[in-house]
Amino acid sequence: ESDGPLASFPPALSREVWGTVAAPGRIEVPVSALTRHLKGRKCR
């Protein structure tokens, strides 16, 4: 979802997130790595 009619889709992450999976099927992302609160938003 864009921030305006001519704006591009904003990034979901503020930095690269990488590491080892917490468990098979589970990846943990700290909120500090997000650009905004994402609840209810569709992200790719």
ModelCIF file with pLDDT and N, C-alpha, C, O atoms, coordinates in Angstrom:
data_MODEL
#
_entry.id   MODEL 
#
_entity.id                         1 
_entity.type                       polymer 
_entity.pdbx_number_of_molecules   1 
#
_entity_poly.entity_id                      1 
_entity_poly.type                           'polypeptide(L)' 
_entity_poly.nstd_linkage                   no 
_entity_poly.nstd_monomer                   no 
_entity_poly.pdbx_seq_one_letter_code       ESDGPLASFPPALSREVWGTVAAPGRIEVPVSALTRHLKGRKCR 
_entity_poly.pdbx_seq_one_letter_code_can   ESDGPLASFPPALSREVWGTVAAPGRIEVPVSALTRHLKGRKCR 
_entity_poly.pdbx_strand_id                 A 
#
loop_
_entity_poly_seq.entity_id 
_entity_poly_seq.num 
_entity_poly_seq.mon_id 
_entity_poly_seq.hetero 
1 1  GLU n 
1 2  SER n 
1 3  ASP n 
1 4  GLY n 
1 5  PRO n 
1 6  LEU n 
1 7  ALA n 
1 8  SER n 
1 9  PHE n 
1 10 PRO n 
1 11 PRO n 
1 12 ALA n 
1 13 LEU n 
1 14 SER n 
1 15 ARG n 
1 16 GLU n 
1 17 VAL n 
1 18 TRP n 
1 19 GLY n 
1 20 THR n 
1 21 VAL n 
1 22 ALA n 
1 23 ALA n 
1 24 PRO n 
1 25 GLY n 
1 26 ARG n 
1 27 ILE n 
1 28 GLU n 
1 29 VAL n 
1 30 PRO n 
1 31 VAL n 
1 32 SER n 
1 33 ALA n 
1 34 LEU n 
1 35 THR n 
1 36 ARG n 
1 37 HIS n 
1 38 LEU n 
1 39 LYS n 
1 40 GLY n 
1 41 ARG n 
1 42 LYS n 
1 43 CYS n 
1 44 ARG n 
#
_struct_asym.id          A 
_struct_asym.entity_id   1 
#
loop_
_ma_qa_metric.id 
_ma_qa_metric.mode 
_ma_qa_metric.name 
_ma_qa_metric.software_group_id 
_ma_qa_metric.type 
1 global pLDDT . pLDDT 
2 local  pLDDT . pLDDT 
#
_ma_qa_metric_global.metric_id      1 
_ma_qa_metric_global.metric_value   88.75 
_ma_qa_metric_global.model_id       1 
_ma_qa_metric_global.ordinal_id     1 
#
loop_
_ma_qa_metric_local.label_asym_id 
_ma_qa_metric_local.label_comp_id 
_ma_qa_metric_local.label_seq_id 
_ma_qa_metric_local.metric_id 
_ma_qa_metric_local.metric_value 
_ma_qa_metric_local.model_id 
_ma_qa_metric_local.ordinal_id 
A GLU 1  2 83.00 1 1  
A SER 2  2 70.00 1 2  
A ASP 3  2 64.00 1 3  
A GLY 4  2 63.00 1 4  
A PRO 5  2 64.00 1 5  
A LEU 6  2 54.00 1 6  
A ALA 7  2 63.00 1 7  
A SER 8  2 81.00 1 8  
A PHE 9  2 89.00 1 9  
A PRO 10 2 91.00 1 10 
A PRO 11 2 93.00 1 11 
A ALA 12 2 95.00 1 12 
A LEU 13 2 95.00 1 13 
A SER 14 2 93.00 1 14 
A ARG 15 2 91.00 1 15 
A GLU 16 2 88.00 1 16 
A VAL 17 2 94.00 1 17 
A TRP 18 2 94.00 1 18 
A GLY 19 2 94.00 1 19 
A THR 20 2 94.00 1 20 
A VAL 21 2 94.00 1 21 
A ALA 22 2 94.00 1 22 
A ALA 23 2 92.00 1 23 
A PRO 24 2 91.00 1 24 
A GLY 25 2 94.00 1 25 
A ARG 26 2 95.00 1 26 
A ILE 27 2 96.00 1 27 
A GLU 28 2 96.00 1 28 
A VAL 29 2 96.00 1 29 
A PRO 30 2 95.00 1 30 
A VAL 31 2 95.00 1 31 
A SER 32 2 94.00 1 32 
A ALA 33 2 95.00 1 33 
A LEU 34 2 95.00 1 34 
A THR 35 2 94.00 1 35 
A ARG 36 2 92.00 1 36 
A HIS 37 2 92.00 1 37 
A LEU 38 2 93.00 1 38 
A LYS 39 2 91.00 1 39 
A GLY 40 2 90.00 1 40 
A ARG 41 2 92.00 1 41 
A LYS 42 2 94.00 1 42 
A CYS 43 2 96.00 1 43 
A ARG 44 2 96.00 1 44 
#
loop_
_atom_site.group_PDB 
_atom_site.id 
_atom_site.type_symbol 
_atom_site.label_atom_id 
_atom_site.label_alt_id 
_atom_site.label_comp_id 
_atom_site.label_asym_id 
_atom_site.label_entity_id 
_atom_site.label_seq_id 
_atom_site.pdbx_PDB_ins_code 
_atom_site.Cartn_x 
_atom_site.Cartn_y 
_atom_site.Cartn_z 
_atom_site.occupancy 
_atom_site.B_iso_or_equiv 
_atom_site.pdbx_formal_charge 
_atom_site.auth_seq_id 
_atom_site.auth_comp_id 
_atom_site.auth_asym_id 
_atom_site.auth_atom_id 
_atom_site.pdbx_PDB_model_num 
ATOM 1   N N  . GLU A 1 1  ? 0.866  -1.170  0.000  1.00 83.00 ? 1  GLU A N  1 
ATOM 2   C CA . GLU A 1 1  ? 0.000  0.000   0.000  1.00 83.00 ? 1  GLU A CA 1 
ATOM 3   C C  . GLU A 1 1  ? 0.904  1.222   0.000  1.00 83.00 ? 1  GLU A C  1 
ATOM 4   O O  . GLU A 1 1  ? 1.866  1.278   0.767  1.00 83.00 ? 1  GLU A O  1 
ATOM 5   N N  . SER A 1 2  ? 0.619  2.174   -0.825 1.00 70.00 ? 2  SER A N  1 
ATOM 6   C CA . SER A 1 2  ? 1.494  3.330   -0.969 1.00 70.00 ? 2  SER A CA 1 
ATOM 7   C C  . SER A 1 2  ? 1.102  4.431   0.004  1.00 70.00 ? 2  SER A C  1 
ATOM 8   O O  . SER A 1 2  ? -0.004 4.444   0.545  1.00 70.00 ? 2  SER A O  1 
ATOM 9   N N  . ASP A 1 3  ? 2.036  5.357   0.213  1.00 64.00 ? 3  ASP A N  1 
ATOM 10  C CA . ASP A 1 3  ? 1.778  6.482   1.100  1.00 64.00 ? 3  ASP A CA 1 
ATOM 11  C C  . ASP A 1 3  ? 1.123  7.649   0.364  1.00 64.00 ? 3  ASP A C  1 
ATOM 12  O O  . ASP A 1 3  ? 0.831  8.677   0.975  1.00 64.00 ? 3  ASP A O  1 
ATOM 13  N N  . GLY A 1 4  ? 0.896  7.505   -0.908 1.00 63.00 ? 4  GLY A N  1 
ATOM 14  C CA . GLY A 1 4  ? 0.273  8.572   -1.691 1.00 63.00 ? 4  GLY A CA 1 
ATOM 15  C C  . GLY A 1 4  ? 0.002  8.110   -3.098 1.00 63.00 ? 4  GLY A C  1 
ATOM 16  O O  . GLY A 1 4  ? 0.462  7.035   -3.482 1.00 63.00 ? 4  GLY A O  1 
ATOM 17  N N  . PRO A 1 5  ? -0.729 8.882   -3.890 1.00 64.00 ? 5  PRO A N  1 
ATOM 18  C CA . PRO A 1 5  ? -1.094 8.437   -5.239 1.00 64.00 ? 5  PRO A CA 1 
ATOM 19  C C  . PRO A 1 5  ? 0.092  8.230   -6.160 1.00 64.00 ? 5  PRO A C  1 
ATOM 20  O O  . PRO A 1 5  ? 0.021  7.399   -7.065 1.00 64.00 ? 5  PRO A O  1 
ATOM 21  N N  . LEU A 1 6  ? 1.169  8.952   -5.962 1.00 54.00 ? 6  LEU A N  1 
ATOM 22  C CA . LEU A 1 6  ? 2.340  8.820   -6.832 1.00 54.00 ? 6  LEU A CA 1 
ATOM 23  C C  . LEU A 1 6  ? 3.508  8.133   -6.143 1.00 54.00 ? 6  LEU A C  1 
ATOM 24  O O  . LEU A 1 6  ? 4.584  7.995   -6.725 1.00 54.00 ? 6  LEU A O  1 
ATOM 25  N N  . ALA A 1 7  ? 3.298  7.702   -4.905 1.00 63.00 ? 7  ALA A N  1 
ATOM 26  C CA . ALA A 1 7  ? 4.391  7.086   -4.140 1.00 63.00 ? 7  ALA A CA 1 
ATOM 27  C C  . ALA A 1 7  ? 4.470  5.596   -4.450 1.00 63.00 ? 7  ALA A C  1 
ATOM 28  O O  . ALA A 1 7  ? 3.464  4.948   -4.742 1.00 63.00 ? 7  ALA A O  1 
ATOM 29  N N  . SER A 1 8  ? 5.673  5.078   -4.379 1.00 81.00 ? 8  SER A N  1 
ATOM 30  C CA . SER A 1 8  ? 5.874  3.633   -4.572 1.00 81.00 ? 8  SER A CA 1 
ATOM 31  C C  . SER A 1 8  ? 5.570  2.901   -3.275 1.00 81.00 ? 8  SER A C  1 
ATOM 32  O O  . SER A 1 8  ? 5.409  3.510   -2.217 1.00 81.00 ? 8  SER A O  1 
ATOM 33  N N  . PHE A 1 9  ? 5.495  1.576   -3.384 1.00 89.00 ? 9  PHE A N  1 
ATOM 34  C CA . PHE A 1 9  ? 5.241  0.783   -2.187 1.00 89.00 ? 9  PHE A CA 1 
ATOM 35  C C  . PHE A 1 9  ? 6.415  0.937   -1.216 1.00 89.00 ? 9  PHE A C  1 
ATOM 36  O O  . PHE A 1 9  ? 7.569  0.794   -1.622 1.00 89.00 ? 9  PHE A O  1 
ATOM 37  N N  . PRO A 1 10 ? 6.137  1.225   0.054  1.00 91.00 ? 10 PRO A N  1 
ATOM 38  C CA . PRO A 1 10 ? 7.235  1.427   1.017  1.00 91.00 ? 10 PRO A CA 1 
ATOM 39  C C  . PRO A 1 10 ? 7.848  0.099   1.450  1.00 91.00 ? 10 PRO A C  1 
ATOM 40  O O  . PRO A 1 10 ? 7.165  -0.926  1.452  1.00 91.00 ? 10 PRO A O  1 
ATOM 41  N N  . PRO A 1 11 ? 9.118  0.107   1.814  1.00 93.00 ? 11 PRO A N  1 
ATOM 42  C CA . PRO A 1 11 ? 9.760  -1.130  2.293  1.00 93.00 ? 11 PRO A CA 1 
ATOM 43  C C  . PRO A 1 11 ? 9.203  -1.556  3.640  1.00 93.00 ? 11 PRO A C  1 
ATOM 44  O O  . PRO A 1 11 ? 8.797  -0.721  4.448  1.00 93.00 ? 11 PRO A O  1 
ATOM 45  N N  . ALA A 1 12 ? 9.187  -2.861  3.875  1.00 95.00 ? 12 ALA A N  1 
ATOM 46  C CA . ALA A 1 12 ? 8.731  -3.374  5.164  1.00 95.00 ? 12 ALA A CA 1 
ATOM 47  C C  . ALA A 1 12 ? 9.861  -3.421  6.182  1.00 95.00 ? 12 ALA A C  1 
ATOM 48  O O  . ALA A 1 12 ? 9.616  -3.379  7.387  1.00 95.00 ? 12 ALA A O  1 
ATOM 49  N N  . LEU A 1 13 ? 11.104 -3.508  5.699  1.00 95.00 ? 13 LEU A N  1 
ATOM 50  C CA . LEU A 1 13 ? 12.261 -3.657  6.579  1.00 95.00 ? 13 LEU A CA 1 
ATOM 51  C C  . LEU A 1 13 ? 13.141 -2.418  6.514  1.00 95.00 ? 13 LEU A C  1 
ATOM 52  O O  . LEU A 1 13 ? 13.314 -1.811  5.457  1.00 95.00 ? 13 LEU A O  1 
ATOM 53  N N  . SER A 1 14 ? 13.689 -2.059  7.662  1.00 93.00 ? 14 SER A N  1 
ATOM 54  C CA . SER A 1 14 ? 14.610 -0.928  7.729  1.00 93.00 ? 14 SER A CA 1 
ATOM 55  C C  . SER A 1 14 ? 16.057 -1.356  7.542  1.00 93.00 ? 14 SER A C  1 
ATOM 56  O O  . SER A 1 14 ? 16.935 -0.512  7.365  1.00 93.00 ? 14 SER A O  1 
ATOM 57  N N  . ARG A 1 15 ? 16.312 -2.651  7.580  1.00 91.00 ? 15 ARG A N  1 
ATOM 58  C CA . ARG A 1 15 ? 17.667 -3.193  7.420  1.00 91.00 ? 15 ARG A CA 1 
ATOM 59  C C  . ARG A 1 15 ? 17.568 -4.645  7.018  1.00 91.00 ? 15 ARG A C  1 
ATOM 60  O O  . ARG A 1 15 ? 16.489 -5.237  7.044  1.00 91.00 ? 15 ARG A O  1 
ATOM 61  N N  . GLU A 1 16 ? 18.702 -5.218  6.646  1.00 88.00 ? 16 GLU A N  1 
ATOM 62  C CA . GLU A 1 16 ? 18.726 -6.633  6.321  1.00 88.00 ? 16 GLU A CA 1 
ATOM 63  C C  . GLU A 1 16 ? 18.471 -7.458  7.584  1.00 88.00 ? 16 GLU A C  1 
ATOM 64  O O  . GLU A 1 16 ? 18.949 -7.129  8.670  1.00 88.00 ? 16 GLU A O  1 
ATOM 65  N N  . VAL A 1 17 ? 17.714 -8.526  7.414  1.00 94.00 ? 17 VAL A N  1 
ATOM 66  C CA . VAL A 1 17 ? 17.453 -9.451  8.528  1.00 94.00 ? 17 VAL A CA 1 
ATOM 67  C C  . VAL A 1 17 ? 17.904 -10.835 8.082  1.00 94.00 ? 17 VAL A C  1 
ATOM 68  O O  . VAL A 1 17 ? 17.398 -11.373 7.096  1.00 94.00 ? 17 VAL A O  1 
ATOM 69  N N  . TRP A 1 18 ? 18.853 -11.406 8.807  1.00 94.00 ? 18 TRP A N  1 
ATOM 70  C CA . TRP A 1 18 ? 19.361 -12.727 8.457  1.00 94.00 ? 18 TRP A CA 1 
ATOM 71  C C  . TRP A 1 18 ? 19.803 -13.434 9.729  1.00 94.00 ? 18 TRP A C  1 
ATOM 72  O O  . TRP A 1 18 ? 19.974 -12.804 10.772 1.00 94.00 ? 18 TRP A O  1 
ATOM 73  N N  . GLY A 1 19 ? 19.987 -14.741 9.637  1.00 94.00 ? 19 GLY A N  1 
ATOM 74  C CA . GLY A 1 19 ? 20.411 -15.517 10.802 1.00 94.00 ? 19 GLY A CA 1 
ATOM 75  C C  . GLY A 1 19 ? 20.065 -16.980 10.606 1.00 94.00 ? 19 GLY A C  1 
ATOM 76  O O  . GLY A 1 19 ? 19.929 -17.446 9.475  1.00 94.00 ? 19 GLY A O  1 
ATOM 77  N N  . THR A 1 20 ? 19.923 -17.702 11.702 1.00 94.00 ? 20 THR A N  1 
ATOM 78  C CA . THR A 1 20 ? 19.533 -19.111 11.691 1.00 94.00 ? 20 THR A CA 1 
ATOM 79  C C  . THR A 1 20 ? 18.085 -19.214 12.141 1.00 94.00 ? 20 THR A C  1 
ATOM 80  O O  . THR A 1 20 ? 17.672 -18.520 13.070 1.00 94.00 ? 20 THR A O  1 
ATOM 81  N N  . VAL A 1 21 ? 17.314 -20.073 11.491 1.00 94.00 ? 21 VAL A N  1 
ATOM 82  C CA . VAL A 1 21 ? 15.897 -20.195 11.850 1.00 94.00 ? 21 VAL A CA 1 
ATOM 83  C C  . VAL A 1 21 ? 15.767 -20.585 13.319 1.00 94.00 ? 21 VAL A C  1 
ATOM 84  O O  . VAL A 1 21 ? 16.578 -21.347 13.845 1.00 94.00 ? 21 VAL A O  1 
ATOM 85  N N  . ALA A 1 22 ? 14.736 -20.053 13.972 1.00 94.00 ? 22 ALA A N  1 
ATOM 86  C CA . ALA A 1 22 ? 14.520 -20.363 15.387 1.00 94.00 ? 22 ALA A CA 1 
ATOM 87  C C  . ALA A 1 22 ? 14.143 -21.824 15.574 1.00 94.00 ? 22 ALA A C  1 
ATOM 88  O O  . ALA A 1 22 ? 14.470 -22.427 16.596 1.00 94.00 ? 22 ALA A O  1 
ATOM 89  N N  . ALA A 1 23 ? 13.464 -22.386 14.605 1.00 92.00 ? 23 ALA A N  1 
ATOM 90  C CA . ALA A 1 23 ? 13.051 -23.792 14.580 1.00 92.00 ? 23 ALA A CA 1 
ATOM 91  C C  . ALA A 1 23 ? 12.599 -24.060 13.158 1.00 92.00 ? 23 ALA A C  1 
ATOM 92  O O  . ALA A 1 23 ? 12.282 -23.120 12.429 1.00 92.00 ? 23 ALA A O  1 
ATOM 93  N N  . PRO A 1 24 ? 12.561 -25.328 12.741 1.00 91.00 ? 24 PRO A N  1 
ATOM 94  C CA . PRO A 1 24 ? 12.042 -25.597 11.398 1.00 91.00 ? 24 PRO A CA 1 
ATOM 95  C C  . PRO A 1 24 ? 10.654 -25.006 11.219 1.00 91.00 ? 24 PRO A C  1 
ATOM 96  O O  . PRO A 1 24 ? 9.739  -25.302 11.987 1.00 91.00 ? 24 PRO A O  1 
ATOM 97  N N  . GLY A 1 25 ? 10.505 -24.168 10.200 1.00 94.00 ? 25 GLY A N  1 
ATOM 98  C CA . GLY A 1 25 ? 9.214  -23.542 9.957  1.00 94.00 ? 25 GLY A CA 1 
ATOM 99  C C  . GLY A 1 25 ? 9.005  -22.219 10.659 1.00 94.00 ? 25 GLY A C  1 
ATOM 100 O O  . GLY A 1 25 ? 7.903  -21.672 10.603 1.00 94.00 ? 25 GLY A O  1 
ATOM 101 N N  . ARG A 1 26 ? 10.033 -21.674 11.327 1.00 95.00 ? 26 ARG A N  1 
ATOM 102 C CA . ARG A 1 26 ? 9.836  -20.461 12.133 1.00 95.00 ? 26 ARG A CA 1 
ATOM 103 C C  . ARG A 1 26 ? 11.011 -19.504 11.967 1.00 95.00 ? 26 ARG A C  1 
ATOM 104 O O  . ARG A 1 26 ? 12.164 -19.887 12.162 1.00 95.00 ? 26 ARG A O  1 
ATOM 105 N N  . ILE A 1 27 ? 10.710 -18.251 11.605 1.00 96.00 ? 27 ILE A N  1 
ATOM 106 C CA . ILE A 1 27 ? 11.706 -17.177 11.493 1.00 96.00 ? 27 ILE A CA 1 
ATOM 107 C C  . ILE A 1 27 ? 11.261 -16.045 12.402 1.00 96.00 ? 27 ILE A C  1 
ATOM 108 O O  . ILE A 1 27 ? 10.104 -15.626 12.358 1.00 96.00 ? 27 ILE A O  1 
ATOM 109 N N  . GLU A 1 28 ? 12.165 -15.553 13.218 1.00 96.00 ? 28 GLU A N  1 
ATOM 110 C CA . GLU A 1 28 ? 11.844 -14.484 14.150 1.00 96.00 ? 28 GLU A CA 1 
ATOM 111 C C  . GLU A 1 28 ? 12.469 -13.173 13.673 1.00 96.00 ? 28 GLU A C  1 
ATOM 112 O O  . GLU A 1 28 ? 13.660 -13.112 13.369 1.00 96.00 ? 28 GLU A O  1 
ATOM 113 N N  . VAL A 1 29 ? 11.650 -12.133 13.614 1.00 96.00 ? 29 VAL A N  1 
ATOM 114 C CA . VAL A 1 29 ? 12.087 -10.819 13.134 1.00 96.00 ? 29 VAL A CA 1 
ATOM 115 C C  . VAL A 1 29 ? 11.861 -9.801  14.248 1.00 96.00 ? 29 VAL A C  1 
ATOM 116 O O  . VAL A 1 29 ? 10.719 -9.607  14.665 1.00 96.00 ? 29 VAL A O  1 
ATOM 117 N N  . PRO A 1 30 ? 12.909 -9.149  14.742 1.00 95.00 ? 30 PRO A N  1 
ATOM 118 C CA . PRO A 1 30 ? 12.695 -8.140  15.779 1.00 95.00 ? 30 PRO A CA 1 
ATOM 119 C C  . PRO A 1 30 ? 11.950 -6.935  15.213 1.00 95.00 ? 30 PRO A C  1 
ATOM 120 O O  . PRO A 1 30 ? 12.157 -6.547  14.063 1.00 95.00 ? 30 PRO A O  1 
ATOM 121 N N  . VAL A 1 31 ? 11.090 -6.355  16.025 1.00 95.00 ? 31 VAL A N  1 
ATOM 122 C CA . VAL A 1 31 ? 10.308 -5.208  15.575 1.00 95.00 ? 31 VAL A CA 1 
ATOM 123 C C  . VAL A 1 31 ? 11.217 -4.042  15.196 1.00 95.00 ? 31 VAL A C  1 
ATOM 124 O O  . VAL A 1 31 ? 10.840 -3.204  14.378 1.00 95.00 ? 31 VAL A O  1 
ATOM 125 N N  . SER A 1 32 ? 12.406 -3.982  15.783 1.00 94.00 ? 32 SER A N  1 
ATOM 126 C CA . SER A 1 32 ? 13.337 -2.888  15.466 1.00 94.00 ? 32 SER A CA 1 
ATOM 127 C C  . SER A 1 32 ? 13.782 -2.908  14.009 1.00 94.00 ? 32 SER A C  1 
ATOM 128 O O  . SER A 1 32 ? 14.299 -1.911  13.506 1.00 94.00 ? 32 SER A O  1 
ATOM 129 N N  . ALA A 1 33 ? 13.585 -4.051  13.320 1.00 95.00 ? 33 ALA A N  1 
ATOM 130 C CA . ALA A 1 33 ? 13.992 -4.146  11.912 1.00 95.00 ? 33 ALA A CA 1 
ATOM 131 C C  . ALA A 1 33 ? 12.868 -3.742  10.959 1.00 95.00 ? 33 ALA A C  1 
ATOM 132 O O  . ALA A 1 33 ? 13.066 -3.765  9.744  1.00 95.00 ? 33 ALA A O  1 
ATOM 133 N N  . LEU A 1 34 ? 11.696 -3.374  11.474 1.00 95.00 ? 34 LEU A N  1 
ATOM 134 C CA . LEU A 1 34 ? 10.560 -3.002  10.631 1.00 95.00 ? 34 LEU A CA 1 
ATOM 135 C C  . LEU A 1 34 ? 10.494 -1.487  10.459 1.00 95.00 ? 34 LEU A C  1 
ATOM 136 O O  . LEU A 1 34 ? 10.916 -0.733  11.335 1.00 95.00 ? 34 LEU A O  1 
ATOM 137 N N  . THR A 1 35 ? 9.964  -1.059  9.331  1.00 94.00 ? 35 THR A N  1 
ATOM 138 C CA . THR A 1 35 ? 9.853  0.374   9.078  1.00 94.00 ? 35 THR A CA 1 
ATOM 139 C C  . THR A 1 35 ? 8.629  0.985   9.732  1.00 94.00 ? 35 THR A C  1 
ATOM 140 O O  . THR A 1 35 ? 8.574  2.196   9.941  1.00 94.00 ? 35 THR A O  1 
ATOM 141 N N  . ARG A 1 36 ? 7.638  0.148   10.059 1.00 92.00 ? 36 ARG A N  1 
ATOM 142 C CA . ARG A 1 36 ? 6.376  0.633   10.616 1.00 92.00 ? 36 ARG A CA 1 
ATOM 143 C C  . ARG A 1 36 ? 5.648  -0.540  11.258 1.00 92.00 ? 36 ARG A C  1 
ATOM 144 O O  . ARG A 1 36 ? 6.060  -1.692  11.126 1.00 92.00 ? 36 ARG A O  1 
ATOM 145 N N  . HIS A 1 37 ? 4.555  -0.227  11.958 1.00 92.00 ? 37 HIS A N  1 
ATOM 146 C CA . HIS A 1 37 ? 3.738  -1.300  12.514 1.00 92.00 ? 37 HIS A CA 1 
ATOM 147 C C  . HIS A 1 37 ? 2.953  -1.938  11.377 1.00 92.00 ? 37 HIS A C  1 
ATOM 148 O O  . HIS A 1 37 ? 2.284  -1.235  10.619 1.00 92.00 ? 37 HIS A O  1 
ATOM 149 N N  . LEU A 1 38 ? 3.024  -3.259  11.248 1.00 93.00 ? 38 LEU A N  1 
ATOM 150 C CA . LEU A 1 38 ? 2.486  -3.941  10.086 1.00 93.00 ? 38 LEU A CA 1 
ATOM 151 C C  . LEU A 1 38 ? 1.166  -4.665  10.342 1.00 93.00 ? 38 LEU A C  1 
ATOM 152 O O  . LEU A 1 38 ? 0.618  -5.255  9.411  1.00 93.00 ? 38 LEU A O  1 
ATOM 153 N N  . LYS A 1 39 ? 0.646  -4.643  11.534 1.00 91.00 ? 39 LYS A N  1 
ATOM 154 C CA . LYS A 1 39 ? -0.577 -5.379  11.817 1.00 91.00 ? 39 LYS A CA 1 
ATOM 155 C C  . LYS A 1 39 ? -1.689 -4.979  10.850 1.00 91.00 ? 39 LYS A C  1 
ATOM 156 O O  . LYS A 1 39 ? -1.974 -3.795  10.668 1.00 91.00 ? 39 LYS A O  1 
ATOM 157 N N  . GLY A 1 40 ? -2.316 -5.989  10.232 1.00 90.00 ? 40 GLY A N  1 
ATOM 158 C CA . GLY A 1 40 ? -3.419 -5.750  9.311  1.00 90.00 ? 40 GLY A CA 1 
ATOM 159 C C  . GLY A 1 40 ? -2.997 -5.342  7.921  1.00 90.00 ? 40 GLY A C  1 
ATOM 160 O O  . GLY A 1 40 ? -3.851 -5.208  7.044  1.00 90.00 ? 40 GLY A O  1 
ATOM 161 N N  . ARG A 1 41 ? -1.708 -5.138  7.681  1.00 92.00 ? 41 ARG A N  1 
ATOM 162 C CA . ARG A 1 41 ? -1.229 -4.724  6.364  1.00 92.00 ? 41 ARG A CA 1 
ATOM 163 C C  . ARG A 1 41 ? -0.806 -5.940  5.547  1.00 92.00 ? 41 ARG A C  1 
ATOM 164 O O  . ARG A 1 41 ? -0.296 -6.923  6.084  1.00 92.00 ? 41 ARG A O  1 
ATOM 165 N N  . LYS A 1 42 ? -1.030 -5.852  4.238  1.00 94.00 ? 42 LYS A N  1 
ATOM 166 C CA . LYS A 1 42 ? -0.555 -6.917  3.342  1.00 94.00 ? 42 LYS A CA 1 
ATOM 167 C C  . LYS A 1 42 ? 0.867  -6.577  2.899  1.00 94.00 ? 42 LYS A C  1 
ATOM 168 O O  . LYS A 1 42 ? 1.137  -5.479  2.412  1.00 94.00 ? 42 LYS A O  1 
ATOM 169 N N  . CYS A 1 43 ? 1.758  -7.532  3.077  1.00 96.00 ? 43 CYS A N  1 
ATOM 170 C CA . CYS A 1 43 ? 3.161  -7.343  2.726  1.00 96.00 ? 43 CYS A CA 1 
ATOM 171 C C  . CYS A 1 43 ? 3.625  -8.473  1.808  1.00 96.00 ? 43 CYS A C  1 
ATOM 172 O O  . CYS A 1 43 ? 3.146  -9.604  1.898  1.00 96.00 ? 43 CYS A O  1 
ATOM 173 N N  . ARG A 1 44 ? 4.549  -8.150  0.942  1.00 96.00 ? 44 ARG A N  1 
ATOM 174 C CA . ARG A 1 44 ? 5.179  -9.187  0.117  1.00 96.00 ? 44 ARG A CA 1 
ATOM 175 C C  . ARG A 1 44 ? 6.574  -9.437  0.669  1.00 96.00 ? 44 ARG A C  1 
ATOM 176 O O  . ARG A 1 44 ? 7.306  -10.273 0.140  1.00 96.00 ? 44 ARG A O  1 
#
